[in-house]
């Protein structure tokens, strides 16, 4: 058997590079670290690698850029109508098509992960990102007809819909593979909010970098420039950081059967309560993602009829997401170290506030209320973005399947996104309304639906099965 000093010696000379030794214990059979000839190691061994931060940085950058294209056309919707002779509905569909194609892509990612691993999935996303950039830019050639331009822009958005979920869905799996219990929620948070940050940057940049054609060119340049960051991401370390990271996830079809009909995940049967909690979390997560994304896509259509410019509309959407970034960075370490086993309680406290803020937009979207609207955007950002990693971690803990549960949650978000955009577009007032083309009825639908949904959080128990097992396994090691 190895002594502590023996293991430390191996750690310092591991060809994987410098690492931090978290748990000094014998190596598990699944580890790729081989002991010297004539020695035997038994039991689990957990280890943290410093390179996890490089991979996290790569995932964040790619996720940010993956989120740029979705709301890019929202703040410049009216300019797109003028320059390309599109209709407002057509411009809305440039964002909506990503939500539609996101659905099958998200559900395919767990299968791709099982077949190719995390790194290859990221490579696929990078290729799609480059294709989306330059196919979309090809649609800005002035000699093209309106239909041809629109077809190329739509095709570019289709490729973007393949790239975006690769990094978004696999974020919780990356954090599970590389981080321990003291950093897993924070890592999930950082990757989860990267995409909304990209959306905020997209809303801010698209009306500020020139005309519509120049704006699309800038998006293409950014999408191409970040491709080298994919080389920072590796699938998993030689030695896992936790018990959960050492056990392969069940197949996605197995997870779906467990949730719908009951069954066993990793030999442990999901109780009826756990299945109910997961369904409620997936529903609420989907509604909140849809509400935020729909607001991003329709920002100009919501704000311009009551007197706000494209620049102010973009700043309001950016305010929502960037204030959420600050709040999420501040709270994620608390979820890792203080409220580790109380994620459900935190959700029960914050979600009703979030629902009330969405409802208040019914009365707040009016002329000369810039200050009030920015205050509401701040409340929405602080509560909604903070809840992103909480929902993803709760779902992963309940199912013990990080990539599968993440795929379902993001699938729900984009499914509801399609519904919300179509419904709120249909509820837009006519040209003879006062003010013309206002979105008052859409705001009523959004606010009432969100508030009614988030109150369901009080029905869940939120048992964190995965985290409990990890803590038990860690305690067993420490007692040896």
Protein backbone atom coordinates (compact mmCIF):
# COMPACT_ATOMS: atom_id res chain seq x y z
CA UNK A 1 0.00 0.00 0.00
CA UNK A 2 1.13 3.56 -0.64
CA UNK A 3 1.79 6.03 2.12
CA UNK A 4 0.75 9.66 1.95
CA UNK A 5 4.25 10.68 0.90
CA UNK A 6 4.23 8.09 -1.90
CA UNK A 7 1.02 9.47 -3.34
CA UNK A 8 2.27 13.04 -3.02
CA UNK A 9 5.40 12.04 -4.91
CA UNK A 10 3.32 10.58 -7.73
CA UNK A 11 1.18 13.71 -7.76
CA UNK A 12 4.12 16.02 -8.15
CA UNK A 13 5.48 14.08 -11.12
CA UNK A 14 2.25 13.22 -12.89
CA UNK A 15 2.59 13.77 -16.63
CA UNK A 16 -0.77 15.51 -16.64
CA UNK A 17 0.93 18.58 -15.24
CA UNK A 18 0.77 20.34 -11.85
CA UNK A 19 -2.24 19.41 -9.76
CA UNK A 20 -3.74 20.01 -6.37
CA UNK A 21 -4.14 16.88 -4.24
CA UNK A 22 -7.57 17.06 -2.64
CA UNK A 23 -7.95 13.58 -1.12
CA UNK A 24 -4.92 11.38 -0.35
CA UNK A 25 -6.26 7.87 -0.61
CA UNK A 26 -5.61 4.73 -2.63
CA UNK A 27 -6.32 4.74 -6.34
CA UNK A 28 -9.54 3.29 -7.72
CA UNK A 29 -9.54 0.64 -10.43
CA UNK A 30 -10.96 3.24 -12.84
CA UNK A 31 -7.96 5.52 -12.44
CA UNK A 32 -5.39 5.65 -15.22
CA UNK A 33 -2.56 6.26 -12.75
CA UNK A 34 -0.62 2.99 -12.51
CA UNK A 35 1.27 2.10 -9.33
CA UNK A 36 4.89 0.91 -9.44
CA UNK A 37 5.49 -2.78 -10.08
CA UNK A 38 4.86 -4.96 -7.05
CA UNK A 39 2.50 -2.55 -5.26
CA UNK A 40 -1.25 -2.69 -4.96
CA UNK A 41 -3.74 0.14 -4.50
CA UNK A 42 -7.35 -0.38 -3.49
CA UNK A 43 -10.29 1.90 -2.81
CA UNK A 44 -11.23 5.24 -4.34
CA UNK A 45 -8.86 8.10 -4.98
CA UNK A 46 -10.01 11.64 -5.78
CA UNK A 47 -7.86 14.37 -7.21
CA UNK A 48 -8.21 17.96 -8.46
CA UNK A 49 -6.24 19.22 -11.46
CA UNK A 50 -5.33 22.86 -11.97
CA UNK A 51 -6.03 22.50 -15.67
CA UNK A 52 -9.75 22.37 -14.82
CA UNK A 53 -9.71 26.18 -14.81
CA UNK A 54 -8.35 26.34 -18.36
CA UNK A 55 -11.11 24.10 -19.59
CA UNK A 56 -13.67 26.10 -17.66
CA UNK A 57 -12.38 29.28 -19.28
CA UNK A 58 -12.65 27.69 -22.72
CA UNK A 59 -16.22 26.53 -22.04
CA UNK A 60 -17.18 30.01 -20.86
CA UNK A 61 -15.75 31.84 -23.88
CA UNK A 62 -17.34 29.43 -26.35
CA UNK A 63 -20.65 29.58 -24.50
CA UNK A 64 -20.63 33.38 -24.53
CA UNK A 65 -20.11 33.52 -28.28
CA UNK A 66 -22.66 30.76 -28.78
CA UNK A 67 -25.22 33.01 -27.09
CA UNK A 68 -24.55 36.09 -29.23
CA UNK A 69 -26.60 35.22 -32.28
CA UNK A 70 -29.91 34.40 -30.62
CA UNK A 71 -30.91 37.97 -29.58
CA UNK A 72 -28.58 39.73 -32.04
CA UNK A 73 -31.39 40.78 -34.36
CA UNK A 74 -33.88 41.83 -31.66
CA UNK A 75 -32.56 45.37 -31.00
CA UNK A 76 -32.04 46.02 -34.74
CA UNK A 77 -35.32 44.45 -35.89
CA UNK A 78 -36.71 47.65 -37.38
CA UNK A 79 -33.44 48.37 -39.18
CA UNK A 80 -33.50 44.85 -40.63
CA UNK A 81 -36.98 45.55 -41.96
CA UNK A 82 -35.74 48.74 -43.67
CA UNK A 83 -32.44 47.41 -45.04
CA UNK A 84 -33.51 43.92 -46.15
CA UNK A 85 -37.23 44.43 -46.77
CA UNK A 86 -38.10 41.73 -44.20
CA UNK A 87 -41.20 41.76 -42.02
CA UNK A 88 -41.05 41.95 -38.22
CA UNK A 89 -42.27 38.37 -38.05
CA UNK A 90 -39.43 37.24 -40.29
CA UNK A 91 -36.88 39.00 -38.09
CA UNK A 92 -38.41 37.37 -35.00
CA UNK A 93 -37.98 33.98 -36.65
CA UNK A 94 -34.24 34.57 -37.02
CA UNK A 95 -34.15 34.14 -33.24
CA UNK A 96 -37.01 31.68 -33.04
CA UNK A 97 -35.43 29.22 -35.48
CA UNK A 98 -32.58 28.67 -33.03
CA UNK A 99 -35.07 27.66 -30.37
CA UNK A 100 -36.76 25.23 -32.78
CA UNK A 101 -33.56 23.48 -33.86
CA UNK A 102 -32.14 23.64 -30.36
CA UNK A 103 -34.80 21.08 -29.33
CA UNK A 104 -33.60 18.02 -31.28
CA UNK A 105 -29.95 19.05 -30.86
CA UNK A 106 -30.23 19.24 -27.06
CA UNK A 107 -31.77 15.77 -26.86
CA UNK A 108 -29.07 14.36 -29.15
CA UNK A 109 -26.17 15.71 -27.07
CA UNK A 110 -26.29 13.02 -24.32
CA UNK A 111 -25.97 10.37 -27.06
CA UNK A 112 -23.12 12.30 -28.70
CA UNK A 113 -21.41 12.62 -25.32
CA UNK A 114 -21.71 8.90 -24.67
CA UNK A 115 -20.28 8.13 -28.13
CA UNK A 116 -17.56 10.77 -28.58
CA UNK A 117 -16.89 12.40 -25.20
CA UNK A 118 -17.03 16.02 -24.11
CA UNK A 119 -14.06 17.31 -26.12
CA UNK A 120 -15.30 15.98 -29.47
CA UNK A 121 -18.75 17.46 -28.83
CA UNK A 122 -17.07 20.83 -28.28
CA UNK A 123 -15.21 20.39 -31.58
CA UNK A 124 -18.52 19.79 -33.37
CA UNK A 125 -19.87 22.96 -31.81
CA UNK A 126 -16.85 24.98 -32.96
CA UNK A 127 -17.25 23.83 -36.57
CA UNK A 128 -20.94 24.76 -36.51
CA UNK A 129 -20.08 28.16 -35.03
CA UNK A 130 -17.75 29.04 -37.91
CA UNK A 131 -20.24 27.84 -40.52
CA UNK A 132 -23.01 29.91 -38.93
CA UNK A 133 -20.86 33.05 -38.99
CA UNK A 134 -19.99 33.10 -42.67
CA UNK A 135 -23.15 31.60 -44.13
CA UNK A 136 -25.01 34.34 -42.30
CA UNK A 137 -22.65 37.02 -43.61
CA UNK A 138 -23.08 35.70 -47.16
CA UNK A 139 -26.73 36.66 -46.82
CA UNK A 140 -25.81 40.35 -46.53
CA UNK A 141 -24.58 40.66 -50.14
CA UNK A 142 -26.58 43.54 -51.64
CA UNK A 143 -27.04 41.89 -55.02
CA UNK A 144 -29.11 39.08 -53.49
CA UNK A 145 -32.87 39.11 -53.56
CA UNK A 146 -34.85 39.50 -50.36
CA UNK A 147 -35.73 35.80 -50.29
CA UNK A 148 -32.15 34.71 -50.95
CA UNK A 149 -30.78 36.94 -48.20
CA UNK A 150 -33.36 35.65 -45.77
CA UNK A 151 -32.64 32.02 -46.68
CA UNK A 152 -28.91 32.43 -46.01
CA UNK A 153 -29.50 34.27 -42.75
CA UNK A 154 -31.85 31.49 -41.64
CA UNK A 155 -29.33 28.80 -42.65
CA UNK A 156 -26.64 30.57 -40.62
CA UNK A 157 -28.95 30.65 -37.62
CA UNK A 158 -29.55 26.91 -38.08
CA UNK A 159 -25.82 26.22 -37.69
CA UNK A 160 -25.77 28.50 -34.65
CA UNK A 161 -28.58 26.39 -33.17
CA UNK A 162 -26.24 23.38 -33.33
CA UNK A 163 -23.30 25.20 -31.74
CA UNK A 164 -25.11 26.85 -28.85
CA UNK A 165 -26.49 23.79 -26.99
CA UNK A 166 -23.18 21.91 -27.17
CA UNK A 167 -21.60 24.17 -24.57
CA UNK A 168 -24.78 24.99 -22.68
CA UNK A 169 -26.00 21.43 -22.12
CA UNK A 170 -22.57 20.01 -21.28
CA UNK A 171 -21.72 22.67 -18.68
CA UNK A 172 -22.98 20.66 -15.66
CA UNK A 173 -21.18 17.56 -16.93
CA UNK A 174 -17.92 19.47 -17.24
CA UNK A 175 -18.24 20.70 -13.66
CA UNK A 176 -19.05 17.18 -12.46
CA UNK A 177 -16.06 15.71 -14.31
CA UNK A 178 -13.51 18.24 -13.06
CA UNK A 179 -14.68 19.88 -9.79
CA UNK A 180 -15.29 18.63 -6.26
CA UNK A 181 -18.16 19.45 -3.88
CA UNK A 182 -16.59 22.79 -2.91
CA UNK A 183 -16.51 24.05 -6.48
CA UNK A 184 -19.07 22.16 -8.53
CA UNK A 185 -21.99 24.58 -8.18
CA UNK A 186 -19.71 27.55 -8.85
CA UNK A 187 -18.38 25.91 -12.02
CA UNK A 188 -21.93 25.08 -13.15
CA UNK A 189 -22.92 28.69 -12.46
CA UNK A 190 -20.04 30.13 -14.46
CA UNK A 191 -20.82 28.03 -17.54
CA UNK A 192 -24.60 28.47 -17.17
CA UNK A 193 -24.49 32.26 -17.04
CA UNK A 194 -21.98 32.51 -19.89
CA UNK A 195 -24.72 32.04 -22.46
CA UNK A 196 -26.99 34.75 -21.00
CA UNK A 197 -23.93 37.00 -20.81
CA UNK A 198 -23.43 36.36 -24.51
CA UNK A 199 -27.06 37.32 -25.06
CA UNK A 200 -26.53 40.54 -23.11
CA UNK A 201 -23.42 41.38 -25.12
CA UNK A 202 -25.29 40.58 -28.32
CA UNK A 203 -28.12 42.94 -27.38
CA UNK A 204 -25.63 45.65 -26.50
CA UNK A 205 -23.35 45.30 -29.52
CA UNK A 206 -25.76 44.68 -32.38
CA UNK A 207 -27.16 48.24 -32.54
CA UNK A 208 -23.82 49.90 -31.68
CA UNK A 209 -21.36 48.52 -34.26
CA UNK A 210 -22.76 50.20 -37.35
CA UNK A 211 -25.39 49.28 -39.92
CA UNK A 212 -27.06 45.91 -40.15
CA UNK A 213 -24.55 44.44 -42.62
CA UNK A 214 -21.57 45.61 -40.60
CA UNK A 215 -23.24 44.28 -37.47
CA UNK A 216 -23.53 40.79 -39.00
CA UNK A 217 -19.87 40.98 -40.13
CA UNK A 218 -18.72 41.78 -36.60
CA UNK A 219 -20.68 38.76 -35.33
CA UNK A 220 -18.89 36.57 -37.88
CA UNK A 221 -15.44 37.84 -36.90
CA UNK A 222 -16.08 37.24 -33.20
CA UNK A 223 -17.45 33.74 -33.86
CA UNK A 224 -14.33 32.79 -35.81
CA UNK A 225 -11.81 34.36 -33.43
CA UNK A 226 -12.85 32.22 -30.44
CA UNK A 227 -12.40 28.82 -32.10
CA UNK A 228 -8.87 28.20 -30.63
CA UNK A 229 -10.40 28.19 -27.13
CA UNK A 230 -11.85 24.75 -27.86
CA UNK A 231 -8.35 23.30 -27.42
CA UNK A 232 -8.42 24.26 -23.73
CA UNK A 233 -11.28 21.85 -23.04
CA UNK A 234 -10.53 18.21 -22.17
CA UNK A 235 -13.13 15.51 -21.57
CA UNK A 236 -12.13 14.39 -18.07
CA UNK A 237 -9.09 14.09 -15.79
CA UNK A 238 -7.15 10.89 -15.23
CA UNK A 239 -8.45 10.65 -11.68
CA UNK A 240 -11.97 11.87 -10.78
CA UNK A 241 -12.58 14.61 -8.19
CA UNK A 242 -15.66 12.95 -6.64
CA UNK A 243 -17.54 9.66 -6.57
CA UNK A 244 -20.12 11.04 -9.02
CA UNK A 245 -17.36 11.81 -11.53
CA UNK A 246 -16.04 8.24 -11.26
CA UNK A 247 -19.36 6.61 -12.22
CA UNK A 248 -20.62 6.84 -15.82
CA UNK A 249 -24.11 8.25 -16.31
CA UNK A 250 -26.96 6.01 -17.37
CA UNK A 251 -28.07 6.37 -20.97
CA UNK A 252 -30.44 9.19 -21.86
CA UNK A 253 -33.20 6.76 -22.81
CA UNK A 254 -32.78 5.09 -19.41
CA UNK A 255 -33.13 8.45 -17.69
CA UNK A 256 -36.25 9.31 -19.70
CA UNK A 257 -37.86 5.99 -18.70
CA UNK A 258 -36.93 6.57 -15.06
CA UNK A 259 -38.52 10.01 -15.00
CA UNK A 260 -41.67 9.03 -16.88
CA UNK A 261 -42.34 5.56 -15.55
CA UNK A 262 -40.06 5.02 -12.57
CA UNK A 263 -36.98 2.80 -12.55
CA UNK A 264 -33.41 2.66 -11.46
CA UNK A 265 -30.55 5.07 -12.08
CA UNK A 266 -27.13 3.63 -11.19
CA UNK A 267 -28.95 0.87 -9.33
CA UNK A 268 -30.89 3.35 -7.15
CA UNK A 269 -34.59 3.66 -7.84
CA UNK A 270 -35.91 7.18 -8.34
CA UNK A 271 -38.74 7.65 -5.89
CA UNK A 272 -42.07 9.09 -6.92
CA UNK A 273 -41.17 12.24 -4.99
CA UNK A 274 -37.87 12.63 -6.85
CA UNK A 275 -39.57 12.15 -10.20
CA UNK A 276 -42.23 14.73 -9.30
CA UNK A 277 -39.60 17.21 -8.11
CA UNK A 278 -37.62 16.83 -11.33
CA UNK A 279 -40.71 17.44 -13.50
CA UNK A 280 -41.59 20.58 -11.50
CA UNK A 281 -38.02 21.88 -11.73
CA UNK A 282 -37.90 21.23 -15.48
CA UNK A 283 -41.23 23.06 -15.95
CA UNK A 284 -40.19 26.13 -13.94
CA UNK A 285 -36.72 26.21 -15.51
CA UNK A 286 -38.27 26.08 -18.97
CA UNK A 287 -40.76 28.87 -18.25
CA UNK A 288 -38.09 31.18 -16.81
CA UNK A 289 -35.64 30.60 -19.65
CA UNK A 290 -38.45 31.20 -22.15
CA UNK A 291 -39.57 34.41 -20.46
CA UNK A 292 -36.04 35.82 -20.45
CA UNK A 293 -35.20 34.79 -24.01
CA UNK A 294 -38.54 36.01 -25.36
CA UNK A 295 -38.00 39.38 -23.75
CA UNK A 296 -34.53 39.51 -25.36
CA UNK A 297 -35.87 38.63 -28.82
CA UNK A 298 -38.84 41.02 -28.63
CA UNK A 299 -37.14 43.86 -26.75
CA UNK A 300 -37.47 46.39 -29.55
CA UNK A 301 -41.08 45.44 -30.30
CA UNK A 302 -41.99 45.77 -26.61
CA UNK A 303 -40.20 49.04 -25.89
CA UNK A 304 -40.35 51.09 -29.11
CA UNK A 305 -44.16 51.50 -29.26
CA UNK A 306 -44.08 53.27 -25.89
CA UNK A 307 -41.25 55.61 -26.87
CA UNK A 308 -37.90 53.92 -26.15
CA UNK A 309 -35.05 53.85 -28.71
CA UNK A 310 -33.16 50.79 -29.95
CA UNK A 311 -30.17 51.73 -27.77
CA UNK A 312 -32.27 52.01 -24.60
CA UNK A 313 -34.04 48.75 -25.43
CA UNK A 314 -30.71 46.96 -25.81
CA UNK A 315 -29.41 48.44 -22.56
CA UNK A 316 -32.47 47.23 -20.67
CA UNK A 317 -31.96 43.65 -21.84
CA UNK A 318 -28.25 43.89 -21.06
CA UNK A 319 -29.02 45.28 -17.60
CA UNK A 320 -31.19 42.25 -16.80
CA UNK A 321 -28.47 39.78 -17.68
CA UNK A 322 -25.38 41.63 -16.46
CA UNK A 323 -26.80 42.39 -13.01
CA UNK A 324 -27.66 38.71 -12.85
CA UNK A 325 -24.03 37.91 -13.62
CA UNK A 326 -22.83 39.91 -10.63
CA UNK A 327 -25.42 38.31 -8.35
CA UNK A 328 -24.63 34.79 -9.55
CA UNK A 329 -20.88 35.27 -9.02
CA UNK A 330 -21.56 36.49 -5.48
CA UNK A 331 -23.98 33.71 -4.54
CA UNK A 332 -22.49 30.60 -6.19
CA UNK A 333 -19.71 30.19 -3.56
CA UNK A 334 -22.42 30.40 -0.88
CA UNK A 335 -24.33 27.58 -2.60
CA UNK A 336 -21.13 25.52 -2.64
CA UNK A 337 -20.08 26.07 0.96
CA UNK A 338 -22.99 27.42 3.04
CA UNK A 339 -26.27 26.41 1.40
CA UNK A 340 -24.88 23.20 -0.08
CA UNK A 341 -27.86 21.06 0.94
CA UNK A 342 -30.45 23.86 0.85
CA UNK A 343 -30.76 24.75 -2.82
CA UNK A 344 -34.50 24.04 -2.80
CA UNK A 345 -35.08 26.42 0.11
CA UNK A 346 -33.19 29.20 -1.69
CA UNK A 347 -35.33 28.63 -4.78
CA UNK A 348 -38.53 28.80 -2.71
CA UNK A 349 -37.47 32.21 -1.38
CA UNK A 350 -36.28 33.83 -4.63
CA UNK A 351 -38.70 32.52 -7.26
CA UNK A 352 -41.85 34.28 -5.95
CA UNK A 353 -39.92 37.58 -6.07
CA UNK A 354 -38.93 36.80 -9.64
CA UNK A 355 -42.52 36.04 -10.62
CA UNK A 356 -43.72 39.31 -9.10
CA UNK A 357 -41.10 41.26 -11.06
CA UNK A 358 -42.25 39.75 -14.37
CA UNK A 359 -45.86 40.54 -13.47
CA UNK A 360 -44.99 44.16 -12.68
CA UNK A 361 -43.90 44.78 -16.28
CA UNK A 362 -47.58 44.87 -17.21
CA UNK A 363 -47.82 48.32 -15.58
CA UNK A 364 -44.15 49.41 -15.82
CA UNK A 365 -43.79 49.37 -19.62
CA UNK A 366 -45.07 52.86 -20.32
CA UNK A 367 -43.62 56.18 -21.53
CA UNK A 368 -41.13 58.08 -19.36
CA UNK A 369 -40.50 55.24 -16.90
CA UNK A 370 -36.87 54.51 -17.71
CA UNK A 371 -35.73 54.44 -14.08
CA UNK A 372 -38.50 52.10 -12.99
CA UNK A 373 -37.85 49.73 -15.87
CA UNK A 374 -34.12 49.55 -15.14
CA UNK A 375 -34.95 48.80 -11.48
CA UNK A 376 -37.21 45.92 -12.54
CA UNK A 377 -34.54 44.65 -14.94
CA UNK A 378 -32.12 44.56 -12.01
CA UNK A 379 -34.53 42.52 -9.87
CA UNK A 380 -35.17 40.14 -12.75
CA UNK A 381 -31.45 39.70 -13.35
CA UNK A 382 -30.50 39.15 -9.72
CA UNK A 383 -33.17 36.49 -9.19
CA UNK A 384 -33.45 34.71 -12.54
CA UNK A 385 -29.76 34.32 -13.43
CA UNK A 386 -28.98 33.21 -9.87
CA UNK A 387 -31.56 30.45 -10.25
CA UNK A 388 -29.95 29.01 -13.41
CA UNK A 389 -27.18 27.02 -11.65
CA UNK A 390 -29.53 26.15 -8.78
CA UNK A 391 -31.98 24.52 -11.19
CA UNK A 392 -29.24 22.67 -13.08
CA UNK A 393 -27.60 21.39 -9.90
CA UNK A 394 -30.89 20.33 -8.32
CA UNK A 395 -31.81 18.40 -11.45
CA UNK A 396 -28.38 16.74 -11.59
CA UNK A 397 -28.59 15.80 -7.91
CA UNK A 398 -32.07 14.30 -8.32
CA UNK A 399 -31.27 12.23 -11.42
CA UNK A 400 -27.54 11.59 -10.94
CA UNK A 401 -27.24 12.24 -14.67
CA UNK A 402 -25.74 15.69 -15.29
CA UNK A 403 -25.75 15.73 -19.09
CA UNK A 404 -29.15 14.07 -19.40
CA UNK A 405 -30.96 16.30 -16.91
CA UNK A 406 -29.28 19.40 -18.37
CA UNK A 407 -30.46 18.41 -21.86
CA UNK A 408 -34.05 18.06 -20.61
CA UNK A 409 -34.01 21.40 -18.79
CA UNK A 410 -32.59 23.34 -21.73
CA UNK A 411 -34.97 21.49 -24.07
CA UNK A 412 -37.89 22.71 -21.96
CA UNK A 413 -36.54 26.26 -22.00
CA UNK A 414 -36.34 26.38 -25.76
CA UNK A 415 -39.64 24.58 -26.29
CA UNK A 416 -41.43 27.18 -24.19
CA UNK A 417 -39.41 29.90 -25.92
CA UNK A 418 -41.01 28.98 -29.25
CA UNK A 419 -44.47 29.04 -27.64
CA UNK A 420 -43.90 32.37 -25.87
CA UNK A 421 -42.58 34.15 -28.97
CA UNK A 422 -45.43 32.92 -31.15
CA UNK A 423 -48.08 33.75 -28.56
CA UNK A 424 -46.72 37.21 -27.73
CA UNK A 425 -46.30 38.01 -31.43
CA UNK A 426 -49.92 37.02 -31.98
CA UNK A 427 -51.04 39.19 -29.06
CA UNK A 428 -49.37 42.32 -30.47
CA UNK A 429 -51.91 45.12 -30.89
CA UNK A 430 -52.79 46.40 -34.34
CA UNK A 431 -51.68 49.56 -36.11
CA UNK A 432 -54.85 51.34 -34.97
CA UNK A 433 -54.18 50.71 -31.25
CA UNK A 434 -52.91 53.35 -28.83
CA UNK A 435 -49.96 53.21 -28.97
CA UNK A 436 -49.76 51.35 -32.29
CA UNK A 437 -48.36 47.80 -32.27
CA UNK A 438 -47.95 47.78 -28.48
CA UNK A 439 -47.25 44.50 -26.62
CA UNK A 440 -49.44 45.06 -23.54
CA UNK A 441 -51.39 41.83 -23.97
CA UNK A 442 -48.16 39.91 -24.48
CA UNK A 443 -46.79 41.29 -21.21
CA UNK A 444 -49.97 40.18 -19.42
CA UNK A 445 -49.57 36.65 -20.80
CA UNK A 446 -45.89 36.57 -19.83
CA UNK A 447 -46.33 37.92 -16.30
CA UNK A 448 -49.33 35.80 -15.32
CA UNK A 449 -47.89 32.59 -16.76
CA UNK A 450 -44.51 33.06 -15.07
CA UNK A 451 -45.97 33.91 -11.66
CA UNK A 452 -48.35 30.94 -11.71
CA UNK A 453 -45.50 28.60 -12.69
CA UNK A 454 -42.87 29.71 -10.18
CA UNK A 455 -45.26 29.24 -7.26
CA UNK A 456 -45.10 25.49 -7.99
CA UNK A 457 -41.65 25.52 -6.39
CA UNK A 458 -43.36 25.29 -2.99
CA UNK A 459 -44.51 21.78 -3.88
CA UNK A 460 -41.03 20.24 -4.17
CA UNK A 461 -38.79 18.70 -1.52
CA UNK A 462 -35.58 18.98 -3.55
CA UNK A 463 -33.66 15.99 -2.21
CA UNK A 464 -30.04 16.25 -3.38
CA UNK A 465 -29.28 12.56 -3.88
CA UNK A 466 -26.03 12.90 -5.84
CA UNK A 467 -24.51 15.34 -3.37
CA UNK A 468 -25.51 13.17 -0.41
CA UNK A 469 -23.81 10.12 -1.94
CA UNK A 470 -20.67 12.12 -2.75
CA UNK A 471 -20.47 13.34 0.84
CA UNK A 472 -20.95 9.81 2.19
CA UNK A 473 -18.18 8.43 -0.02
CA UNK A 474 -15.90 11.27 0.97
CA UNK A 475 -16.58 10.60 4.66
CA UNK A 476 -15.74 6.91 4.16
CA UNK A 477 -12.36 7.84 2.67
CA UNK A 478 -11.55 10.29 5.45
CA UNK A 479 -12.29 7.66 8.09
CA UNK A 480 -9.80 5.15 6.65
